[in-house]
Amino acid sequence: MFQDPDRPSVLLLDDGREADFARMLALLAPGLAVASCGSRLTDWLNRVAAADLGGLVASAAVLGRTELAALETVLVMHPHLEILLLVGDRGLAGAEHLLGTPGLSLLPEPWTPAGLRRVLSAPASGSAPPAPQTPPGADPVPSAERPFPAAFVAGAVEGLRDPLASLSGYLQLLEGRREAGDLALLHSAQSAAHEIEHILEAVQLASGARAPRPRPVKLRRVVEEALRALARQAPLPDFTMQGEREADIDPRFLAAALYTGRLLLERFGPSGRPRLDCHAQAGELRLVWSVPAPSAPPIGALSPPPPFLSEILERLAQGLGARARIETVGGAVPLSAGLVWPA
């Protein structure tokens, strides 16, 4: 492995703990340039697209869950890369799905020069044949049409949840010891932490990392519970529903879709408090956030929402057996956002 003359460098994810390994790797592969960096995802993820990078070397004992979950996706998105993973006593516990992944080779720890030489002289485990070239004149698949890398998203979200939980805990402790002038600041910080939590939940569900688990529910009760959970310190939004309705849905997907729709309007719609309505119309059941259309168009001063929010809403809607409905004015500014089910 690491024998591609056009990609003569590898990245060692070691936090400076594998200096001897780096020297031995350079000695056994004289034409190979070995660069070291940290093992956290933020240390190396942006560097995997370097033109001269042939692969990564890391120890499973050093990498966290987020980084291990990202390795498979890195190989999918960059099939020319090879990964050499040093595996110690804990093996690949929690990351067994990596076994047999094309482009991945394993080296037992404690490593030896003989073992490293054997791995370097062999092709990567399960290496696949080169990908076919795109025919002349044919367009590659646009990035927007590629599926979310679910394994990476799931790992990244789980990795972010721990520090987020710590942040929320520290804020609660500070609130108990606050001075009079700090209350508004603490509430703002807690609201920001809750917002990160809800966005992470929506992204993970939309990625396909967790499959929907629908069950029969009373729609009014589930919506009201979701609104209370989303509101936290904010006042509950206005909500109306015509009659009592039942649905076969996953409440997690519904809560995430409601949050995403409200975020679209609050951040990128005209001024005004969004309200939520559930009603039947034209043979459909609609659960939609809306804000009043502005009488005068200050629309030009508003920025259009980033495309990922509408894509998240569409993917969550699919998990609910619905379709996303986003009404805009001025070409991009949202006036309503929500879900529509066939009656």
C-alpha atoms as a PDB file:
ATOM      1  CA  MET A   1       0.000   0.000   0.000  1.00  0.00           C
ATOM      2  CA  PHE A   2       0.956   3.708  -0.287  1.00  0.00           C
ATOM      3  CA  GLN A   3       2.670   2.936  -3.609  1.00  0.00           C
ATOM      4  CA  ASP A   4       0.976   5.488  -5.877  1.00  0.00           C
ATOM      5  CA  PRO A   5       3.779   7.720  -7.252  1.00  0.00           C
ATOM      6  CA  ASP A   6       1.262  10.519  -7.913  1.00  0.00           C
ATOM      7  CA  ARG A   7       0.270  10.582  -4.227  1.00  0.00           C
ATOM      8  CA  PRO A   8       3.541  10.317  -2.311  1.00  0.00           C
ATOM      9  CA  SER A   9       2.404  11.511   1.124  1.00  0.00           C
ATOM     10  CA  VAL A  10       0.470  10.103   4.065  1.00  0.00           C
ATOM     11  CA  LEU A  11      -1.041  11.763   7.110  1.00  0.00           C
ATOM     12  CA  LEU A  12      -0.274  10.284  10.538  1.00  0.00           C
ATOM     13  CA  LEU A  13      -3.060  10.975  13.058  1.00  0.00           C
ATOM     14  CA  ASP A  14      -1.094  10.580  16.231  1.00  0.00           C
ATOM     15  CA  ASP A  15      -1.001  13.772  18.348  1.00  0.00           C
ATOM     16  CA  GLY A  16       2.796  13.367  18.415  1.00  0.00           C
ATOM     17  CA  ARG A  17       2.735   9.986  20.162  1.00  0.00           C
ATOM     18  CA  GLU A  18       4.004   7.838  17.286  1.00  0.00           C
ATOM     19  CA  ALA A  19       7.353   9.444  16.416  1.00  0.00           C
ATOM     20  CA  ASP A  20       9.093   6.056  16.208  1.00  0.00           C
ATOM     21  CA  PHE A  21       6.389   4.719  13.900  1.00  0.00           C
ATOM     22  CA  ALA A  22       6.706   7.767  11.622  1.00  0.00           C
ATOM     23  CA  ARG A  23      10.483   7.284  11.357  1.00  0.00           C
ATOM     24  CA  MET A  24      10.100   3.573  10.609  1.00  0.00           C
ATOM     25  CA  LEU A  25       7.417   4.256   8.006  1.00  0.00           C
ATOM     26  CA  ALA A  26       9.683   6.770   6.256  1.00  0.00           C
ATOM     27  CA  LEU A  27      12.590   4.305   6.434  1.00  0.00           C
ATOM     28  CA  LEU A  28      10.658   1.375   4.917  1.00  0.00           C
ATOM     29  CA  ALA A  29       9.037   3.561   2.238  1.00  0.00           C
ATOM     30  CA  PRO A  30      11.811   5.995   1.226  1.00  0.00           C
ATOM     31  CA  GLY A  31       9.711   7.897  -1.314  1.00  0.00           C
ATOM     32  CA  LEU A  32       6.880   8.488   1.135  1.00  0.00           C
ATOM     33  CA  ALA A  33       6.444  11.868   2.853  1.00  0.00           C
ATOM     34  CA  VAL A  34       4.976  11.398   6.339  1.00  0.00           C
ATOM     35  CA  ALA A  35       3.200  14.370   7.935  1.00  0.00           C
ATOM     36  CA  SER A  36       1.778  14.301  11.457  1.00  0.00           C
ATOM     37  CA  CYS A  37      -1.355  16.009  12.721  1.00  0.00           C
ATOM     38  CA  GLY A  38      -3.850  15.678  15.549  1.00  0.00           C
ATOM     39  CA  SER A  39      -6.318  12.831  15.734  1.00  0.00           C
ATOM     40  CA  ARG A  40      -9.459  14.906  16.212  1.00  0.00           C
ATOM     41  CA  LEU A  41     -11.777  15.170  13.227  1.00  0.00           C
ATOM     42  CA  THR A  42     -11.219  18.923  12.971  1.00  0.00           C
ATOM     43  CA  ASP A  43      -7.445  18.356  12.739  1.00  0.00           C
ATOM     44  CA  TRP A  44      -7.437  16.214   9.613  1.00  0.00           C
ATOM     45  CA  LEU A  45     -10.775  16.112   7.794  1.00  0.00           C
ATOM     46  CA  ASN A  46     -10.087  19.143   5.591  1.00  0.00           C
ATOM     47  CA  ARG A  47      -6.713  17.704   4.573  1.00  0.00           C
ATOM     48  CA  VAL A  48      -7.946  14.441   3.020  1.00  0.00           C
ATOM     49  CA  ALA A  49      -8.612  16.159  -0.320  1.00  0.00           C
ATOM     50  CA  ALA A  50      -4.963  17.196  -0.819  1.00  0.00           C
ATOM     51  CA  ALA A  51      -3.794  16.281  -4.321  1.00  0.00           C
ATOM     52  CA  ASP A  52      -0.660  14.454  -3.146  1.00  0.00           C
ATOM     53  CA  LEU A  53      -2.201  12.583  -0.215  1.00  0.00           C
ATOM     54  CA  GLY A  54      -2.183   8.828  -0.624  1.00  0.00           C
ATOM     55  CA  GLY A  55      -3.694   7.852   2.690  1.00  0.00           C
ATOM     56  CA  LEU A  56      -3.997   8.037   6.458  1.00  0.00           C
ATOM     57  CA  VAL A  57      -2.324   6.159   9.307  1.00  0.00           C
ATOM     58  CA  ALA A  58      -3.922   6.045  12.759  1.00  0.00           C
ATOM     59  CA  SER A  59      -4.291   3.955  15.898  1.00  0.00           C
ATOM     60  CA  ALA A  60      -7.760   2.727  16.812  1.00  0.00           C
ATOM     61  CA  ALA A  61      -6.864   3.323  20.464  1.00  0.00           C
ATOM     62  CA  VAL A  62      -6.248   7.030  19.776  1.00  0.00           C
ATOM     63  CA  LEU A  63      -9.257   7.769  17.585  1.00  0.00           C
ATOM     64  CA  GLY A  64     -12.598   8.579  19.176  1.00  0.00           C
ATOM     65  CA  ARG A  65     -16.006   7.302  18.083  1.00  0.00           C
ATOM     66  CA  THR A  66     -16.520  10.275  15.789  1.00  0.00           C
ATOM     67  CA  GLU A  67     -13.236   9.751  13.964  1.00  0.00           C
ATOM     68  CA  LEU A  68     -13.733   5.993  13.587  1.00  0.00           C
ATOM     69  CA  ALA A  69     -17.218   6.575  12.173  1.00  0.00           C
ATOM     70  CA  ALA A  70     -15.757   9.071   9.693  1.00  0.00           C
ATOM     71  CA  LEU A  71     -13.121   6.716   8.249  1.00  0.00           C
ATOM     72  CA  GLU A  72     -15.558   4.661   6.193  1.00  0.00           C
ATOM     73  CA  THR A  73     -17.114   7.787   4.714  1.00  0.00           C
ATOM     74  CA  VAL A  74     -13.684   9.206   3.888  1.00  0.00           C
ATOM     75  CA  LEU A  75     -12.947   6.057   1.858  1.00  0.00           C
ATOM     76  CA  VAL A  76     -16.293   6.302   0.078  1.00  0.00           C
ATOM     77  CA  MET A  77     -15.814   9.964  -0.824  1.00  0.00           C
ATOM     78  CA  HIS A  78     -12.103   9.579  -1.673  1.00  0.00           C
ATOM     79  CA  PRO A  79     -11.729   6.030  -3.050  1.00  0.00           C
ATOM     80  CA  HIS A  80      -8.069   6.592  -4.043  1.00  0.00           C
ATOM     81  CA  LEU A  81      -7.060   6.950  -0.378  1.00  0.00           C
ATOM     82  CA  GLU A  82      -5.731   4.056   1.687  1.00  0.00           C
ATOM     83  CA  ILE A  83      -5.965   3.823   5.472  1.00  0.00           C
ATOM     84  CA  LEU A  84      -3.608   1.896   7.721  1.00  0.00           C
ATOM     85  CA  LEU A  85      -5.239   1.353  11.115  1.00  0.00           C
ATOM     86  CA  LEU A  86      -3.202   0.110  14.079  1.00  0.00           C
ATOM     87  CA  VAL A  87      -5.379  -2.147  16.218  1.00  0.00           C
ATOM     88  CA  GLY A  88      -4.541  -2.981  19.836  1.00  0.00           C
ATOM     89  CA  ASP A  89      -6.186  -4.915  22.669  1.00  0.00           C
ATOM     90  CA  ARG A  90      -9.578  -3.210  22.313  1.00  0.00           C
ATOM     91  CA  GLY A  91      -9.738  -4.191  18.655  1.00  0.00           C
ATOM     92  CA  LEU A  92     -12.428  -2.384  16.680  1.00  0.00           C
ATOM     93  CA  ALA A  93     -15.049  -2.445  19.428  1.00  0.00           C
ATOM     94  CA  GLY A  94     -17.845  -0.150  18.346  1.00  0.00           C
ATOM     95  CA  ALA A  95     -16.479   0.130  14.809  1.00  0.00           C
ATOM     96  CA  GLU A  96     -16.721  -3.461  13.592  1.00  0.00           C
ATOM     97  CA  HIS A  97     -18.411  -2.190  10.408  1.00  0.00           C
ATOM     98  CA  LEU A  98     -14.956  -1.119   9.197  1.00  0.00           C
ATOM     99  CA  LEU A  99     -13.824  -4.722   8.784  1.00  0.00           C
ATOM    100  CA  GLY A 100     -13.462  -5.582   5.113  1.00  0.00           C
ATOM    101  CA  THR A 101     -13.839  -1.953   3.998  1.00  0.00           C
ATOM    102  CA  PRO A 102     -12.051  -1.467   0.648  1.00  0.00           C
ATOM    103  CA  GLY A 103      -8.911   0.614   1.071  1.00  0.00           C
ATOM    104  CA  LEU A 104      -8.417  -0.303   4.743  1.00  0.00           C
ATOM    105  CA  SER A 105      -5.506  -2.361   6.115  1.00  0.00           C
ATOM    106  CA  LEU A 106      -5.011  -3.426   9.739  1.00  0.00           C
ATOM    107  CA  LEU A 107      -1.740  -3.736  11.658  1.00  0.00           C
ATOM    108  CA  PRO A 108      -1.760  -5.315  15.146  1.00  0.00           C
ATOM    109  CA  GLU A 109      -0.258  -3.417  18.053  1.00  0.00           C
ATOM    110  CA  PRO A 110       2.351  -3.513  19.409  1.00  0.00           C
ATOM    111  CA  TRP A 111       3.605  -3.112  15.850  1.00  0.00           C
ATOM    112  CA  THR A 112       6.939  -4.459  14.612  1.00  0.00           C
ATOM    113  CA  PRO A 113       9.088  -3.405  11.645  1.00  0.00           C
ATOM    114  CA  ALA A 114       8.471  -6.828  10.052  1.00  0.00           C
ATOM    115  CA  GLY A 115       4.709  -6.422  10.382  1.00  0.00           C
ATOM    116  CA  LEU A 116       4.811  -2.909   8.950  1.00  0.00           C
ATOM    117  CA  ARG A 117       6.989  -4.070   6.026  1.00  0.00           C
ATOM    118  CA  ARG A 118       4.498  -6.858   5.256  1.00  0.00           C
ATOM    119  CA  VAL A 119       1.555  -4.420   5.201  1.00  0.00           C
ATOM    120  CA  LEU A 120       3.387  -1.899   3.014  1.00  0.00           C
ATOM    121  CA  SER A 121       4.272  -4.576   0.461  1.00  0.00           C
ATOM    122  CA  ALA A 122       0.679  -5.777   0.115  1.00  0.00           C
ATOM    123  CA  PRO A 123      -2.362  -4.093  -1.481  1.00  0.00           C
ATOM    124  CA  ALA A 124      -4.883  -2.582   0.902  1.00  0.00           C
ATOM    125  CA  SER A 125      -7.334  -5.099   2.358  1.00  0.00           C
ATOM    126  CA  GLY A 126     -10.294  -5.563   0.068  1.00  0.00           C
ATOM    127  CA  SER A 127      -9.022  -2.923  -2.323  1.00  0.00           C
ATOM    128  CA  ALA A 128     -11.386  -2.364  -5.187  1.00  0.00           C
ATOM    129  CA  PRO A 129     -10.526  -1.940  -8.874  1.00  0.00           C
ATOM    130  CA  PRO A 130     -10.168   1.635 -10.115  1.00  0.00           C
ATOM    131  CA  ALA A 131     -13.453   3.448 -10.548  1.00  0.00           C
ATOM    132  CA  PRO A 132     -14.547   3.786 -14.172  1.00  0.00           C
ATOM    133  CA  GLN A 133     -13.794   7.131 -15.745  1.00  0.00           C
ATOM    134  CA  THR A 134     -16.640   9.485 -16.606  1.00  0.00           C
ATOM    135  CA  PRO A 135     -17.333   9.200 -20.335  1.00  0.00           C
ATOM    136  CA  PRO A 136     -16.392  12.291 -22.377  1.00  0.00           C
ATOM    137  CA  GLY A 137     -19.212  14.818 -22.368  1.00  0.00           C
ATOM    138  CA  ALA A 138     -21.009  13.196 -19.430  1.00  0.00           C
ATOM    139  CA  ASP A 139     -21.621  15.230 -16.279  1.00  0.00           C
ATOM    140  CA  PRO A 140     -20.603  13.714 -12.950  1.00  0.00           C
ATOM    141  CA  VAL A 141     -23.324  13.313 -10.348  1.00  0.00           C
ATOM    142  CA  PRO A 142     -23.915  16.743  -8.772  1.00  0.00           C
ATOM    143  CA  SER A 143     -22.982  16.855  -5.097  1.00  0.00           C
ATOM    144  CA  ALA A 144     -26.504  17.941  -4.183  1.00  0.00           C
ATOM    145  CA  GLU A 145     -27.851  14.641  -5.552  1.00  0.00           C
ATOM    146  CA  ARG A 146     -25.476  12.407  -3.606  1.00  0.00           C
ATOM    147  CA  PRO A 147     -26.896  10.794  -0.474  1.00  0.00           C
ATOM    148  CA  PHE A 148     -25.947  12.146   2.921  1.00  0.00           C
ATOM    149  CA  PRO A 149     -22.915  10.204   4.267  1.00  0.00           C
ATOM    150  CA  ALA A 150     -24.950   8.728   7.111  1.00  0.00           C
ATOM    151  CA  ALA A 151     -22.056   7.093   8.984  1.00  0.00           C
ATOM    152  CA  PHE A 152     -20.124  10.350   9.068  1.00  0.00           C
ATOM    153  CA  VAL A 153     -23.107  12.470  10.091  1.00  0.00           C
ATOM    154  CA  ALA A 154     -24.062  10.043  12.848  1.00  0.00           C
ATOM    155  CA  GLY A 155     -20.533  10.036  14.238  1.00  0.00           C
ATOM    156  CA  ALA A 156     -20.128  13.798  14.025  1.00  0.00           C
ATOM    157  CA  VAL A 157     -23.449  14.449  15.752  1.00  0.00           C
ATOM    158  CA  GLU A 158     -22.680  12.008  18.555  1.00  0.00           C
ATOM    159  CA  GLY A 159     -19.271  13.593  18.984  1.00  0.00           C
ATOM    160  CA  LEU A 160     -20.791  17.057  19.341  1.00  0.00           C
ATOM    161  CA  ARG A 161     -23.493  16.026  21.781  1.00  0.00           C
ATOM    162  CA  ASP A 162     -21.108  15.380  24.681  1.00  0.00           C
ATOM    163  CA  PRO A 163     -19.610  18.886  24.771  1.00  0.00           C
ATOM    164  CA  LEU A 164     -23.081  20.321  24.194  1.00  0.00           C
ATOM    165  CA  ALA A 165     -24.412  18.437  27.225  1.00  0.00           C
ATOM    166  CA  SER A 166     -21.481  19.760  29.261  1.00  0.00           C
ATOM    167  CA  LEU A 167     -22.211  23.306  28.096  1.00  0.00           C
ATOM    168  CA  SER A 168     -25.853  23.002  29.145  1.00  0.00           C
ATOM    169  CA  GLY A 169     -24.838  21.595  32.536  1.00  0.00           C
ATOM    170  CA  TYR A 170     -22.379  24.392  33.219  1.00  0.00           C
ATOM    171  CA  LEU A 171     -24.989  26.995  32.261  1.00  0.00           C
ATOM    172  CA  GLN A 172     -27.474  25.473  34.704  1.00  0.00           C
ATOM    173  CA  LEU A 173     -24.863  25.598  37.474  1.00  0.00           C
ATOM    174  CA  LEU A 174     -24.109  29.225  36.673  1.00  0.00           C
ATOM    175  CA  GLU A 175     -27.792  30.080  36.734  1.00  0.00           C
ATOM    176  CA  GLY A 176     -27.977  28.858  40.335  1.00  0.00           C
ATOM    177  CA  ARG A 177     -25.099  31.154  41.286  1.00  0.00           C
ATOM    178  CA  ARG A 178     -25.981  34.092  39.075  1.00  0.00           C
ATOM    179  CA  GLU A 179     -25.864  37.707  40.009  1.00  0.00           C
ATOM    180  CA  ALA A 180     -28.786  39.936  39.199  1.00  0.00           C
ATOM    181  CA  GLY A 181     -27.387  41.313  35.949  1.00  0.00           C
ATOM    182  CA  ASP A 182     -26.441  37.928  34.470  1.00  0.00           C
ATOM    183  CA  LEU A 183     -29.904  36.421  34.017  1.00  0.00           C
ATOM    184  CA  ALA A 184     -30.534  37.653  30.461  1.00  0.00           C
ATOM    185  CA  LEU A 185     -27.067  36.563  29.360  1.00  0.00           C
ATOM    186  CA  LEU A 186     -27.513  33.078  30.812  1.00  0.00           C
ATOM    187  CA  HIS A 187     -30.914  32.669  29.192  1.00  0.00           C
ATOM    188  CA  SER A 188     -29.437  33.652  25.816  1.00  0.00           C
ATOM    189  CA  ALA A 189     -26.605  31.130  26.216  1.00  0.00           C
ATOM    190  CA  GLN A 190     -29.025  28.365  27.193  1.00  0.00           C
ATOM    191  CA  SER A 191     -31.240  29.156  24.205  1.00  0.00           C
ATOM    192  CA  ALA A 192     -28.217  28.883  21.918  1.00  0.00           C
ATOM    193  CA  ALA A 193     -27.291  25.498  23.433  1.00  0.00           C
ATOM    194  CA  HIS A 194     -30.872  24.233  22.942  1.00  0.00           C
ATOM    195  CA  GLU A 195     -30.816  25.449  19.342  1.00  0.00           C
ATOM    196  CA  ILE A 196     -27.619  23.491  18.619  1.00  0.00           C
ATOM    197  CA  GLU A 197     -29.224  20.423  20.192  1.00  0.00           C
ATOM    198  CA  HIS A 198     -32.319  20.635  17.968  1.00  0.00           C
ATOM    199  CA  ILE A 199     -30.319  21.263  14.795  1.00  0.00           C
ATOM    200  CA  LEU A 200     -28.093  18.253  15.500  1.00  0.00           C
ATOM    201  CA  GLU A 201     -31.166  16.075  16.029  1.00  0.00           C
ATOM    202  CA  ALA A 202     -32.697  17.249  12.741  1.00  0.00           C
ATOM    203  CA  VAL A 203     -29.459  16.705  10.788  1.00  0.00           C
ATOM    204  CA  GLN A 204     -28.955  13.204  12.186  1.00  0.00           C
ATOM    205  CA  LEU A 205     -32.524  12.109  11.433  1.00  0.00           C
ATOM    206  CA  ALA A 206     -32.396  13.641   7.940  1.00  0.00           C
ATOM    207  CA  SER A 207     -29.117  11.840   7.201  1.00  0.00           C
ATOM    208  CA  GLY A 208     -30.792   8.426   7.423  1.00  0.00           C
ATOM    209  CA  ALA A 209     -28.565   7.424  10.333  1.00  0.00           C
ATOM    210  CA  ARG A 210     -31.698   6.501  12.299  1.00  0.00           C
ATOM    211  CA  ALA A 211     -34.618   4.886  10.498  1.00  0.00           C
ATOM    212  CA  PRO A 212     -38.165   6.107  11.228  1.00  0.00           C
ATOM    213  CA  ARG A 213     -40.154   4.051  13.747  1.00  0.00           C
ATOM    214  CA  PRO A 214     -43.772   5.036  13.045  1.00  0.00           C
ATOM    215  CA  ARG A 215     -46.561   4.266  15.495  1.00  0.00           C
ATOM    216  CA  PRO A 216     -50.197   5.354  15.800  1.00  0.00           C
ATOM    217  CA  VAL A 217     -50.411   8.659  17.711  1.00  0.00           C
ATOM    218  CA  LYS A 218     -52.898  11.412  18.506  1.00  0.00           C
ATOM    219  CA  LEU A 219     -51.557  14.179  16.325  1.00  0.00           C
ATOM    220  CA  ARG A 220     -52.645  17.064  18.577  1.00  0.00           C
ATOM    221  CA  ARG A 221     -50.940  15.611  21.636  1.00  0.00           C
ATOM    222  CA  VAL A 222     -47.703  14.823  19.792  1.00  0.00           C
ATOM    223  CA  VAL A 223     -47.545  18.295  18.239  1.00  0.00           C
ATOM    224  CA  GLU A 224     -48.199  20.019  21.578  1.00  0.00           C
ATOM    225  CA  GLU A 225     -45.488  17.918  23.274  1.00  0.00           C
ATOM    226  CA  ALA A 226     -43.055  18.778  20.492  1.00  0.00           C
ATOM    227  CA  LEU A 227     -43.846  22.493  20.763  1.00  0.00           C
ATOM    228  CA  ARG A 228     -43.313  22.475  24.520  1.00  0.00           C
ATOM    229  CA  ALA A 229     -39.955  20.734  24.092  1.00  0.00           C
ATOM    230  CA  LEU A 230     -38.887  23.173  21.376  1.00  0.00           C
ATOM    231  CA  ALA A 231     -40.007  26.269  23.248  1.00  0.00           C
ATOM    232  CA  ARG A 232     -38.107  25.713  26.527  1.00  0.00           C
ATOM    233  CA  GLN A 233     -37.601  29.314  27.653  1.00  0.00           C
ATOM    234  CA  ALA A 234     -39.584  30.924  24.805  1.00  0.00           C
ATOM    235  CA  PRO A 235     -43.378  31.347  24.896  1.00  0.00           C
ATOM    236  CA  LEU A 236     -45.389  28.605  23.216  1.00  0.00           C
ATOM    237  CA  PRO A 237     -46.319  29.462  19.624  1.00  0.00           C
ATOM    238  CA  ASP A 238     -49.921  29.815  18.497  1.00  0.00           C
ATOM    239  CA  PHE A 239     -51.301  26.462  17.341  1.00  0.00           C
ATOM    240  CA  THR A 240     -54.684  25.544  15.896  1.00  0.00           C
ATOM    241  CA  MET A 241     -56.061  22.205  14.726  1.00  0.00           C
ATOM    242  CA  GLN A 242     -59.418  21.372  13.194  1.00  0.00           C
ATOM    243  CA  GLY A 243     -60.778  18.341  15.030  1.00  0.00           C
ATOM    244  CA  GLU A 244     -58.902  15.381  16.499  1.00  0.00           C
ATOM    245  CA  ARG A 245     -56.670  13.460  14.120  1.00  0.00           C
ATOM    246  CA  GLU A 246     -54.608  10.301  14.291  1.00  0.00           C
ATOM    247  CA  ALA A 247     -51.463   9.550  12.331  1.00  0.00           C
ATOM    248  CA  ASP A 248     -48.950   6.708  11.986  1.00  0.00           C
ATOM    249  CA  ILE A 249     -45.658   8.608  12.390  1.00  0.00           C
ATOM    250  CA  ASP A 250     -42.394   8.780  14.312  1.00  0.00           C
ATOM    251  CA  PRO A 251     -42.687  11.665  16.840  1.00  0.00           C
ATOM    252  CA  ARG A 252     -38.925  12.323  16.660  1.00  0.00           C
ATOM    253  CA  PHE A 253     -39.157  13.120  12.953  1.00  0.00           C
ATOM    254  CA  LEU A 254     -42.218  15.311  13.530  1.00  0.00           C
ATOM    255  CA  ALA A 255     -40.503  17.354  16.258  1.00  0.00           C
ATOM    256  CA  ALA A 256     -37.412  17.821  14.073  1.00  0.00           C
ATOM    257  CA  ALA A 257     -39.536  18.872  11.069  1.00  0.00           C
ATOM    258  CA  LEU A 258     -41.485  21.376  13.178  1.00  0.00           C
ATOM    259  CA  TYR A 259     -38.274  22.896  14.463  1.00  0.00           C
ATOM    260  CA  THR A 260     -36.752  23.144  10.964  1.00  0.00           C
ATOM    261  CA  GLY A 261     -39.863  24.795   9.520  1.00  0.00           C
ATOM    262  CA  ARG A 262     -40.034  27.364  12.315  1.00  0.00           C
ATOM    263  CA  LEU A 263     -36.308  28.085  12.006  1.00  0.00           C
ATOM    264  CA  LEU A 264     -36.747  28.824   8.290  1.00  0.00           C
ATOM    265  CA  LEU A 265     -39.363  31.482   9.033  1.00  0.00           C
ATOM    266  CA  GLU A 266     -37.811  33.006  12.159  1.00  0.00           C
ATOM    267  CA  ARG A 267     -34.370  33.404  10.632  1.00  0.00           C
ATOM    268  CA  PHE A 268     -35.150  34.125   6.999  1.00  0.00           C
ATOM    269  CA  GLY A 269     -38.806  35.183   6.729  1.00  0.00           C
ATOM    270  CA  PRO A 270     -40.428  38.590   7.209  1.00  0.00           C
ATOM    271  CA  SER A 271     -40.804  39.905  10.735  1.00  0.00           C
ATOM    272  CA  GLY A 272     -43.666  38.403  12.673  1.00  0.00           C
ATOM    273  CA  ARG A 273     -44.255  35.534  15.053  1.00  0.00           C
ATOM    274  CA  PRO A 274     -44.823  32.232  13.203  1.00  0.00           C
ATOM    275  CA  ARG A 275     -48.047  30.368  13.936  1.00  0.00           C
ATOM    276  CA  LEU A 276     -48.738  26.690  13.344  1.00  0.00           C
ATOM    277  CA  ASP A 277     -51.973  25.429  11.769  1.00  0.00           C
ATOM    278  CA  CYS A 278     -53.178  21.908  11.115  1.00  0.00           C
ATOM    279  CA  HIS A 279     -56.138  21.641   8.749  1.00  0.00           C
ATOM    280  CA  ALA A 280     -57.502  19.690   5.800  1.00  0.00           C
ATOM    281  CA  GLN A 281     -57.498  21.453   2.456  1.00  0.00           C
ATOM    282  CA  ALA A 282     -57.911  20.261  -1.138  1.00  0.00           C
ATOM    283  CA  GLY A 283     -57.855  16.599  -0.141  1.00  0.00           C
ATOM    284  CA  GLU A 284     -54.681  17.005   1.954  1.00  0.00           C
ATOM    285  CA  LEU A 285     -53.784  17.311   5.619  1.00  0.00           C
ATOM    286  CA  ARG A 286     -51.473  20.267   6.186  1.00  0.00           C
ATOM    287  CA  LEU A 287     -49.355  21.022   9.238  1.00  0.00           C
ATOM    288  CA  VAL A 288     -47.722  24.306   8.312  1.00  0.00           C
ATOM    289  CA  TRP A 289     -45.968  27.255   9.944  1.00  0.00           C
ATOM    290  CA  SER A 290     -46.804  30.662   8.474  1.00  0.00           C
ATOM    291  CA  VAL A 291     -46.148  34.366   8.961  1.00  0.00           C
ATOM    292  CA  PRO A 292     -48.216  37.239   7.527  1.00  0.00           C
ATOM    293  CA  ALA A 293     -47.081  38.493   4.149  1.00  0.00           C
ATOM    294  CA  PRO A 294     -45.555  41.980   4.459  1.00  0.00           C
ATOM    295  CA  SER A 295     -47.678  44.867   3.208  1.00  0.00           C
ATOM    296  CA  ALA A 296     -44.631  46.620   1.757  1.00  0.00           C
ATOM    297  CA  PRO A 297     -41.729  44.671   0.290  1.00  0.00           C
ATOM    298  CA  PRO A 298     -38.707  45.044   2.593  1.00  0.00           C
ATOM    299  CA  ILE A 299     -38.034  41.637   1.073  1.00  0.00           C
ATOM    300  CA  GLY A 300     -34.957  42.787  -0.823  1.00  0.00           C
ATOM    301  CA  ALA A 301     -33.161  43.369   2.467  1.00  0.00           C
ATOM    302  CA  LEU A 302     -33.688  39.748   3.566  1.00  0.00           C
ATOM    303  CA  SER A 303     -31.195  37.000   2.824  1.00  0.00           C
ATOM    304  CA  PRO A 304     -32.475  33.767   1.242  1.00  0.00           C
ATOM    305  CA  PRO A 305     -32.193  30.713   3.517  1.00  0.00           C
ATOM    306  CA  PRO A 306     -29.328  28.257   2.958  1.00  0.00           C
ATOM    307  CA  PRO A 307     -30.426  25.295   0.811  1.00  0.00           C
ATOM    308  CA  PHE A 308     -29.584  22.711   3.472  1.00  0.00           C
ATOM    309  CA  LEU A 309     -32.557  23.733   5.640  1.00  0.00           C
ATOM    310  CA  SER A 310     -35.113  23.009   2.928  1.00  0.00           C
ATOM    311  CA  GLU A 311     -33.322  19.739   2.106  1.00  0.00           C
ATOM    312  CA  ILE A 312     -33.459  18.700   5.768  1.00  0.00           C
ATOM    313  CA  LEU A 313     -37.194  19.471   5.847  1.00  0.00           C
ATOM    314  CA  GLU A 314     -37.750  17.435   2.669  1.00  0.00           C
ATOM    315  CA  ARG A 315     -35.868  14.433   4.044  1.00  0.00           C
ATOM    316  CA  LEU A 316     -37.717  14.587   7.373  1.00  0.00           C
ATOM    317  CA  ALA A 317     -41.012  14.790   5.494  1.00  0.00           C
ATOM    318  CA  GLN A 318     -40.133  11.596   3.607  1.00  0.00           C
ATOM    319  CA  GLY A 319     -39.545   9.868   6.948  1.00  0.00           C
ATOM    320  CA  LEU A 320     -43.055  10.931   7.957  1.00  0.00           C
ATOM    321  CA  GLY A 321     -44.747   9.766   4.755  1.00  0.00           C
ATOM    322  CA  ALA A 322     -45.411  13.395   3.816  1.00  0.00           C
ATOM    323  CA  ARG A 323     -43.964  16.012   1.510  1.00  0.00           C
ATOM    324  CA  ALA A 324     -42.436  19.335   2.459  1.00  0.00           C
ATOM    325  CA  ARG A 325     -44.329  22.525   1.602  1.00  0.00           C
ATOM    326  CA  ILE A 326     -42.420  25.807   1.466  1.00  0.00           C
ATOM    327  CA  GLU A 327     -44.138  28.927   0.120  1.00  0.00           C
ATOM    328  CA  THR A 328     -41.897  31.864  -0.752  1.00  0.00           C
ATOM    329  CA  VAL A 329     -42.284  35.469  -1.844  1.00  0.00           C
ATOM    330  CA  GLY A 330     -39.831  37.472  -3.870  1.00  0.00           C
ATOM    331  CA  GLY A 331     -38.345  34.262  -5.198  1.00  0.00           C
ATOM    332  CA  ALA A 332     -36.688  33.064  -1.998  1.00  0.00           C
ATOM    333  CA  VAL A 333     -38.053  34.581   1.236  1.00  0.00           C
ATOM    334  CA  PRO A 334     -40.212  31.946   3.021  1.00  0.00           C
ATOM    335  CA  LEU A 335     -43.746  32.780   4.133  1.00  0.00           C
ATOM    336  CA  SER A 336     -44.779  29.259   5.150  1.00  0.00           C
ATOM    337  CA  ALA A 337     -43.058  25.943   5.769  1.00  0.00           C
ATOM    338  CA  GLY A 338     -44.396  22.604   6.889  1.00  0.00           C
ATOM    339  CA  LEU A 339     -45.747  19.175   6.010  1.00  0.00           C
ATOM    340  CA  VAL A 340     -48.503  17.893   3.741  1.00  0.00           C
ATOM    341  CA  TRP A 341     -50.033  14.392   3.876  1.00  0.00           C
ATOM    342  CA  PRO A 342     -52.475  12.925   1.339  1.00  0.00           C
ATOM    343  CA  ALA A 343     -55.928  12.781   2.914  1.00  0.00           C
END
